[in-house]
Each structure stands twice: as structure tokens, then as C-alpha cells.
Amino acid sequence: MIFYKKFLPILTLFVFTIAACLSIKYIIPLYVIKIDFILVVNFMLFVLSYFNFKRINKMDISKPTSMVQSVMLGSLLKMVVFAGAALVYATQKKSPVGIATLLVSMALYLLYTWLEIQWTTKKSN
């Protein structure tokens, strides 16, 4: 039960992002932002955050250097997956992703990373 309470903010962000994307896609269509790309990035960031959360919970809080290394590794891994998704999308669709789509995806990345840092600092307290 404690796991779900700690993971609730990331789950809320995931569900809210899906709801917002689907409502934008079907109710107020925006052609500048590629909603399908944002949904895929959101799912990938959610899965990576889940694995980072599991890894951070298993760590020993008496070693602060390993905590910092874990957060940095998780952030770097998410950034590589995010950049890879943009490259794969651009090569498969034969069209540019678009700056607006990348900015929205980067905002999601920053939110997930911020929540991961919050988990780490709360674990050390």
C-alpha cells in the first residue's frame, strides 16, 4: 500500500496526460502537435519512471553518491529514449516531429524527472 501512495503522483500525471491528449485529439484537434507521438513518449517515460522508482526504493540511503548516480542514470536513460523516439518517428513517418511536439514532450520529461528527484529526496529524509 505504501508503494501506491508514493507512486500516485506519477500515475496521476500519466492518466492526466492521456486524458488531455485524447480530449485534444478528438474534441479540439490541434494539427501543430502530433498527439500520437506524445502518447508514446508519455508511455515510455511512465515505464522508465516505474523502473527508476523500483531501483531507487531498493537503494541504501546511507550512500548519497549512489543515490545521485541513480537519479542521473535514470535521467540520462530517459533522455536517450526520448531522443531515440524522436529519431525513429522522424525516419518512419518521413516527416519532421515539429518543435511544438518536442517542447510538449520535453515538458513531460521534465515533470517525470522532477517527480523522480522528489522521490529520492523524500527517501533520504
N, C-alpha and C. Protein backbone atom coordinates (compact mmCIF):
# COMPACT_ATOMS: atom_id res chain seq x y z
N MET A 1 0.81 -1.20 0.00
CA MET A 1 0.00 0.00 0.00
C MET A 1 0.85 1.26 0.00
N ILE A 2 1.98 1.22 0.68
CA ILE A 2 2.88 2.37 0.71
C ILE A 2 3.42 2.65 -0.68
N PHE A 3 3.67 1.60 -1.43
CA PHE A 3 4.17 1.77 -2.79
C PHE A 3 3.20 2.59 -3.63
N TYR A 4 1.93 2.30 -3.52
CA TYR A 4 0.94 3.01 -4.31
C TYR A 4 0.81 4.47 -3.91
N LYS A 5 0.95 4.76 -2.62
CA LYS A 5 0.90 6.15 -2.17
C LYS A 5 2.08 6.94 -2.71
N LYS A 6 3.26 6.34 -2.74
CA LYS A 6 4.43 7.04 -3.26
C LYS A 6 4.40 7.17 -4.78
N PHE A 7 3.77 6.22 -5.43
CA PHE A 7 3.74 6.21 -6.89
C PHE A 7 2.52 6.95 -7.44
N LEU A 8 1.63 7.38 -6.59
CA LEU A 8 0.40 8.04 -7.02
C LEU A 8 0.62 9.31 -7.85
N PRO A 9 1.58 10.19 -7.52
CA PRO A 9 1.77 11.38 -8.36
C PRO A 9 2.15 11.04 -9.80
N ILE A 10 2.99 10.04 -10.00
CA ILE A 10 3.39 9.69 -11.36
C ILE A 10 2.25 9.02 -12.10
N LEU A 11 1.47 8.24 -11.42
CA LEU A 11 0.30 7.62 -12.03
C LEU A 11 -0.74 8.67 -12.40
N THR A 12 -0.90 9.67 -11.54
CA THR A 12 -1.82 10.77 -11.83
C THR A 12 -1.36 11.56 -13.05
N LEU A 13 -0.07 11.84 -13.14
CA LEU A 13 0.47 12.54 -14.30
C LEU A 13 0.26 11.74 -15.57
N PHE A 14 0.46 10.44 -15.50
CA PHE A 14 0.28 9.56 -16.66
C PHE A 14 -1.17 9.58 -17.14
N VAL A 15 -2.10 9.40 -16.22
CA VAL A 15 -3.52 9.36 -16.59
C VAL A 15 -4.00 10.73 -17.07
N PHE A 16 -3.57 11.79 -16.40
CA PHE A 16 -3.96 13.13 -16.81
C PHE A 16 -3.44 13.45 -18.21
N THR A 17 -2.22 13.05 -18.52
CA THR A 17 -1.64 13.30 -19.84
C THR A 17 -2.41 12.55 -20.91
N ILE A 18 -2.77 11.30 -20.64
CA ILE A 18 -3.55 10.53 -21.61
C ILE A 18 -4.91 11.18 -21.83
N ALA A 19 -5.57 11.57 -20.75
CA ALA A 19 -6.89 12.21 -20.89
C ALA A 19 -6.79 13.53 -21.65
N ALA A 20 -5.77 14.32 -21.36
CA ALA A 20 -5.61 15.60 -22.05
C ALA A 20 -5.32 15.38 -23.53
N CYS A 21 -4.46 14.42 -23.83
CA CYS A 21 -4.11 14.15 -25.24
C CYS A 21 -5.32 13.66 -26.02
N LEU A 22 -6.08 12.76 -25.44
CA LEU A 22 -7.24 12.23 -26.16
C LEU A 22 -8.33 13.29 -26.32
N SER A 23 -8.50 14.13 -25.32
CA SER A 23 -9.50 15.20 -25.48
C SER A 23 -9.05 16.22 -26.50
N ILE A 24 -7.77 16.52 -26.54
CA ILE A 24 -7.26 17.45 -27.57
C ILE A 24 -7.38 16.82 -28.95
N LYS A 25 -7.13 15.54 -29.03
CA LYS A 25 -7.16 14.87 -30.33
C LYS A 25 -8.57 14.81 -30.91
N TYR A 26 -9.57 14.53 -30.07
CA TYR A 26 -10.91 14.32 -30.59
C TYR A 26 -11.85 15.51 -30.42
N ILE A 27 -11.64 16.34 -29.42
CA ILE A 27 -12.55 17.46 -29.20
C ILE A 27 -12.03 18.74 -29.86
N ILE A 28 -10.78 19.08 -29.60
CA ILE A 28 -10.18 20.28 -30.16
C ILE A 28 -8.94 19.86 -30.93
N PRO A 29 -9.06 19.43 -32.16
CA PRO A 29 -7.89 18.95 -32.88
C PRO A 29 -6.85 20.04 -33.13
N LEU A 30 -5.64 19.77 -32.73
CA LEU A 30 -4.51 20.66 -32.99
C LEU A 30 -3.62 19.96 -34.00
N TYR A 31 -3.38 20.60 -35.09
CA TYR A 31 -2.56 19.97 -36.13
C TYR A 31 -1.09 20.30 -35.97
N VAL A 32 -0.75 21.23 -35.08
CA VAL A 32 0.65 21.58 -34.85
C VAL A 32 1.33 20.52 -34.00
N ILE A 33 0.60 19.93 -33.06
CA ILE A 33 1.15 18.95 -32.14
C ILE A 33 0.71 17.56 -32.57
N LYS A 34 1.67 16.65 -32.66
CA LYS A 34 1.38 15.26 -33.02
C LYS A 34 1.06 14.50 -31.72
N ILE A 35 -0.22 14.28 -31.51
CA ILE A 35 -0.71 13.69 -30.26
C ILE A 35 -0.25 12.24 -30.11
N ASP A 36 -0.21 11.49 -31.19
CA ASP A 36 0.23 10.09 -31.10
C ASP A 36 1.67 9.99 -30.59
N PHE A 37 2.52 10.88 -31.05
CA PHE A 37 3.91 10.90 -30.59
C PHE A 37 3.97 11.20 -29.09
N ILE A 38 3.17 12.14 -28.63
CA ILE A 38 3.17 12.50 -27.21
C ILE A 38 2.66 11.34 -26.36
N LEU A 39 1.66 10.62 -26.86
CA LEU A 39 1.14 9.46 -26.12
C LEU A 39 2.20 8.37 -25.99
N VAL A 40 2.95 8.14 -27.05
CA VAL A 40 4.01 7.12 -27.00
C VAL A 40 5.12 7.56 -26.05
N VAL A 41 5.53 8.82 -26.13
CA VAL A 41 6.57 9.33 -25.22
C VAL A 41 6.09 9.26 -23.78
N ASN A 42 4.84 9.60 -23.53
CA ASN A 42 4.29 9.53 -22.19
C ASN A 42 4.34 8.10 -21.65
N PHE A 43 3.97 7.13 -22.47
CA PHE A 43 4.01 5.74 -22.04
C PHE A 43 5.45 5.30 -21.74
N MET A 44 6.38 5.67 -22.62
CA MET A 44 7.78 5.28 -22.39
C MET A 44 8.34 5.93 -21.13
N LEU A 45 8.03 7.19 -20.90
CA LEU A 45 8.50 7.86 -19.69
C LEU A 45 7.88 7.26 -18.44
N PHE A 46 6.62 6.85 -18.53
CA PHE A 46 5.97 6.21 -17.40
C PHE A 46 6.64 4.89 -17.05
N VAL A 47 6.92 4.08 -18.05
CA VAL A 47 7.57 2.79 -17.82
C VAL A 47 8.97 2.99 -17.25
N LEU A 48 9.73 3.92 -17.81
CA LEU A 48 11.07 4.19 -17.30
C LEU A 48 11.03 4.74 -15.88
N SER A 49 10.06 5.58 -15.58
CA SER A 49 9.93 6.11 -14.22
C SER A 49 9.57 5.01 -13.23
N TYR A 50 8.76 4.07 -13.68
CA TYR A 50 8.41 2.94 -12.81
C TYR A 50 9.67 2.13 -12.46
N PHE A 51 10.49 1.83 -13.46
CA PHE A 51 11.72 1.07 -13.19
C PHE A 51 12.70 1.88 -12.35
N ASN A 52 12.79 3.18 -12.58
CA ASN A 52 13.65 4.03 -11.76
C ASN A 52 13.15 4.07 -10.32
N PHE A 53 11.84 4.12 -10.15
CA PHE A 53 11.27 4.13 -8.81
C PHE A 53 11.58 2.84 -8.07
N LYS A 54 11.45 1.72 -8.76
CA LYS A 54 11.79 0.44 -8.14
C LYS A 54 13.27 0.39 -7.76
N ARG A 55 14.13 0.91 -8.64
CA ARG A 55 15.57 0.91 -8.37
C ARG A 55 15.90 1.83 -7.20
N ILE A 56 15.27 3.00 -7.13
CA ILE A 56 15.56 3.93 -6.04
C ILE A 56 15.08 3.37 -4.70
N ASN A 57 13.96 2.66 -4.69
CA ASN A 57 13.47 2.08 -3.44
C ASN A 57 14.37 0.97 -2.92
N LYS A 58 15.11 0.31 -3.78
CA LYS A 58 15.99 -0.77 -3.35
C LYS A 58 17.34 -0.26 -2.87
N MET A 59 17.63 1.02 -3.09
CA MET A 59 18.95 1.56 -2.77
C MET A 59 19.09 1.83 -1.28
N ASP A 60 20.33 1.82 -0.85
CA ASP A 60 20.68 2.12 0.53
C ASP A 60 20.81 3.64 0.69
N ILE A 61 20.07 4.23 1.62
CA ILE A 61 20.09 5.68 1.75
C ILE A 61 21.35 6.19 2.46
N SER A 62 22.15 5.28 2.99
CA SER A 62 23.38 5.71 3.67
C SER A 62 24.48 6.06 2.67
N LYS A 63 24.28 5.80 1.38
CA LYS A 63 25.27 6.13 0.36
C LYS A 63 24.68 7.21 -0.57
N PRO A 64 24.94 8.47 -0.24
CA PRO A 64 24.34 9.54 -1.06
C PRO A 64 24.90 9.60 -2.48
N THR A 65 26.13 9.17 -2.68
CA THR A 65 26.69 9.21 -4.03
C THR A 65 25.97 8.23 -4.95
N SER A 66 25.60 7.09 -4.43
CA SER A 66 24.88 6.14 -5.26
C SER A 66 23.47 6.62 -5.57
N MET A 67 22.87 7.38 -4.65
CA MET A 67 21.55 7.95 -4.91
C MET A 67 21.63 8.97 -6.05
N VAL A 68 22.65 9.83 -6.01
CA VAL A 68 22.83 10.84 -7.06
C VAL A 68 23.12 10.15 -8.39
N GLN A 69 23.98 9.14 -8.36
CA GLN A 69 24.29 8.41 -9.59
C GLN A 69 23.05 7.73 -10.16
N SER A 70 22.20 7.21 -9.32
CA SER A 70 20.99 6.55 -9.79
C SER A 70 20.04 7.53 -10.45
N VAL A 71 19.87 8.70 -9.84
CA VAL A 71 18.99 9.72 -10.43
C VAL A 71 19.57 10.21 -11.76
N MET A 72 20.86 10.43 -11.80
CA MET A 72 21.48 10.89 -13.04
C MET A 72 21.38 9.82 -14.14
N LEU A 73 21.58 8.57 -13.77
CA LEU A 73 21.45 7.48 -14.74
C LEU A 73 20.02 7.38 -15.26
N GLY A 74 19.05 7.50 -14.37
CA GLY A 74 17.65 7.46 -14.79
C GLY A 74 17.30 8.62 -15.72
N SER A 75 17.80 9.81 -15.40
CA SER A 75 17.54 10.98 -16.26
C SER A 75 18.19 10.82 -17.61
N LEU A 76 19.41 10.33 -17.64
CA LEU A 76 20.12 10.12 -18.90
C LEU A 76 19.43 9.04 -19.73
N LEU A 77 18.99 7.98 -19.10
CA LEU A 77 18.29 6.92 -19.81
C LEU A 77 16.99 7.43 -20.42
N LYS A 78 16.25 8.23 -19.66
CA LYS A 78 15.02 8.79 -20.19
C LYS A 78 15.30 9.73 -21.36
N MET A 79 16.37 10.52 -21.28
CA MET A 79 16.71 11.44 -22.37
C MET A 79 17.11 10.67 -23.62
N VAL A 80 17.84 9.59 -23.48
CA VAL A 80 18.24 8.79 -24.64
C VAL A 80 17.02 8.15 -25.29
N VAL A 81 16.10 7.63 -24.49
CA VAL A 81 14.88 7.03 -25.04
C VAL A 81 14.04 8.09 -25.72
N PHE A 82 13.96 9.27 -25.13
CA PHE A 82 13.20 10.36 -25.71
C PHE A 82 13.79 10.78 -27.06
N ALA A 83 15.09 10.94 -27.14
CA ALA A 83 15.74 11.31 -28.40
C ALA A 83 15.60 10.19 -29.43
N GLY A 84 15.72 8.95 -28.99
CA GLY A 84 15.56 7.82 -29.89
C GLY A 84 14.15 7.74 -30.46
N ALA A 85 13.17 8.03 -29.63
CA ALA A 85 11.79 8.02 -30.12
C ALA A 85 11.57 9.10 -31.17
N ALA A 86 12.17 10.26 -30.97
CA ALA A 86 12.05 11.34 -31.95
C ALA A 86 12.71 10.95 -33.27
N LEU A 87 13.87 10.30 -33.19
CA LEU A 87 14.55 9.88 -34.41
C LEU A 87 13.80 8.77 -35.14
N VAL A 88 13.30 7.80 -34.40
CA VAL A 88 12.54 6.71 -35.03
C VAL A 88 11.27 7.25 -35.67
N TYR A 89 10.60 8.15 -34.97
CA TYR A 89 9.37 8.73 -35.51
C TYR A 89 9.67 9.50 -36.80
N ALA A 90 10.74 10.27 -36.79
CA ALA A 90 11.09 11.06 -37.97
C ALA A 90 11.46 10.18 -39.15
N THR A 91 12.12 9.05 -38.90
CA THR A 91 12.50 8.17 -40.00
C THR A 91 11.33 7.34 -40.50
N GLN A 92 10.41 6.96 -39.64
CA GLN A 92 9.27 6.14 -40.05
C GLN A 92 8.20 6.96 -40.77
N LYS A 93 7.92 8.12 -40.26
CA LYS A 93 6.86 8.94 -40.83
C LYS A 93 7.35 9.78 -42.02
N LYS A 94 8.64 9.88 -42.18
CA LYS A 94 9.23 10.69 -43.25
C LYS A 94 8.78 12.16 -43.14
N SER A 95 8.49 12.60 -41.94
CA SER A 95 8.13 13.99 -41.73
C SER A 95 8.74 14.45 -40.40
N PRO A 96 8.99 15.73 -40.28
CA PRO A 96 9.58 16.22 -39.01
C PRO A 96 8.58 16.10 -37.86
N VAL A 97 9.12 15.94 -36.69
CA VAL A 97 8.28 15.81 -35.50
C VAL A 97 7.63 17.15 -35.18
N GLY A 98 8.36 18.20 -35.30
CA GLY A 98 7.84 19.54 -35.02
C GLY A 98 8.32 20.05 -33.68
N ILE A 99 8.57 21.33 -33.65
CA ILE A 99 9.11 21.93 -32.43
C ILE A 99 8.07 21.93 -31.31
N ALA A 100 6.83 22.19 -31.63
CA ALA A 100 5.78 22.21 -30.59
C ALA A 100 5.63 20.84 -29.94
N THR A 101 5.69 19.80 -30.74
CA THR A 101 5.59 18.43 -30.21
C THR A 101 6.78 18.10 -29.33
N LEU A 102 7.97 18.50 -29.77
CA LEU A 102 9.16 18.25 -28.96
C LEU A 102 9.14 19.04 -27.66
N LEU A 103 8.62 20.25 -27.69
CA LEU A 103 8.54 21.04 -26.46
C LEU A 103 7.55 20.44 -25.46
N VAL A 104 6.43 19.95 -25.94
CA VAL A 104 5.47 19.29 -25.05
C VAL A 104 6.07 18.01 -24.47
N SER A 105 6.76 17.25 -25.31
CA SER A 105 7.40 16.02 -24.84
C SER A 105 8.51 16.32 -23.84
N MET A 106 9.25 17.39 -24.08
CA MET A 106 10.30 17.78 -23.14
C MET A 106 9.72 18.23 -21.81
N ALA A 107 8.57 18.89 -21.85
CA ALA A 107 7.90 19.27 -20.60
C ALA A 107 7.48 18.03 -19.81
N LEU A 108 6.98 17.02 -20.52
CA LEU A 108 6.65 15.75 -19.85
C LEU A 108 7.89 15.12 -19.23
N TYR A 109 9.00 15.14 -19.99
CA TYR A 109 10.25 14.60 -19.48
C TYR A 109 10.67 15.32 -18.20
N LEU A 110 10.56 16.63 -18.19
CA LEU A 110 10.95 17.40 -17.01
C LEU A 110 10.03 17.11 -15.82
N LEU A 111 8.75 16.93 -16.07
CA LEU A 111 7.83 16.59 -14.98
C LEU A 111 8.14 15.22 -14.38
N TYR A 112 8.37 14.25 -15.23
CA TYR A 112 8.72 12.91 -14.73
C TYR A 112 10.05 12.95 -13.97
N THR A 113 11.01 13.69 -14.47
CA THR A 113 12.31 13.79 -13.80
C THR A 113 12.17 14.50 -12.46
N TRP A 114 11.36 15.56 -12.43
CA TRP A 114 11.15 16.29 -11.18
C TRP A 114 10.52 15.37 -10.13
N LEU A 115 9.54 14.57 -10.55
CA LEU A 115 8.92 13.64 -9.60
C LEU A 115 9.91 12.59 -9.12
N GLU A 116 10.79 12.15 -10.00
CA GLU A 116 11.81 11.19 -9.59
C GLU A 116 12.77 11.79 -8.57
N ILE A 117 13.13 13.04 -8.75
CA ILE A 117 14.00 13.71 -7.78
C ILE A 117 13.28 13.89 -6.45
N GLN A 118 11.98 14.16 -6.50
CA GLN A 118 11.21 14.28 -5.27
C GLN A 118 11.18 12.96 -4.50
N TRP A 119 11.07 11.84 -5.21
CA TRP A 119 11.11 10.53 -4.55
C TRP A 119 12.44 10.34 -3.84
N THR A 120 13.50 10.70 -4.51
CA THR A 120 14.83 10.49 -3.95
C THR A 120 15.05 11.34 -2.71
N THR A 121 14.64 12.60 -2.76
CA THR A 121 14.85 13.45 -1.59
C THR A 121 13.95 13.03 -0.43
N LYS A 122 12.75 12.55 -0.71
CA LYS A 122 11.87 12.08 0.36
C LYS A 122 12.37 10.76 0.94
N LYS A 123 13.04 9.96 0.13
CA LYS A 123 13.58 8.71 0.64
C LYS A 123 14.71 8.96 1.61
N SER A 124 15.49 10.01 1.34
CA SER A 124 16.64 10.28 2.21
C SER A 124 16.23 10.92 3.53
N ASN A 125 15.01 11.48 3.62
CA ASN A 125 14.55 12.07 4.88
C ASN A 125 14.06 11.05 5.85
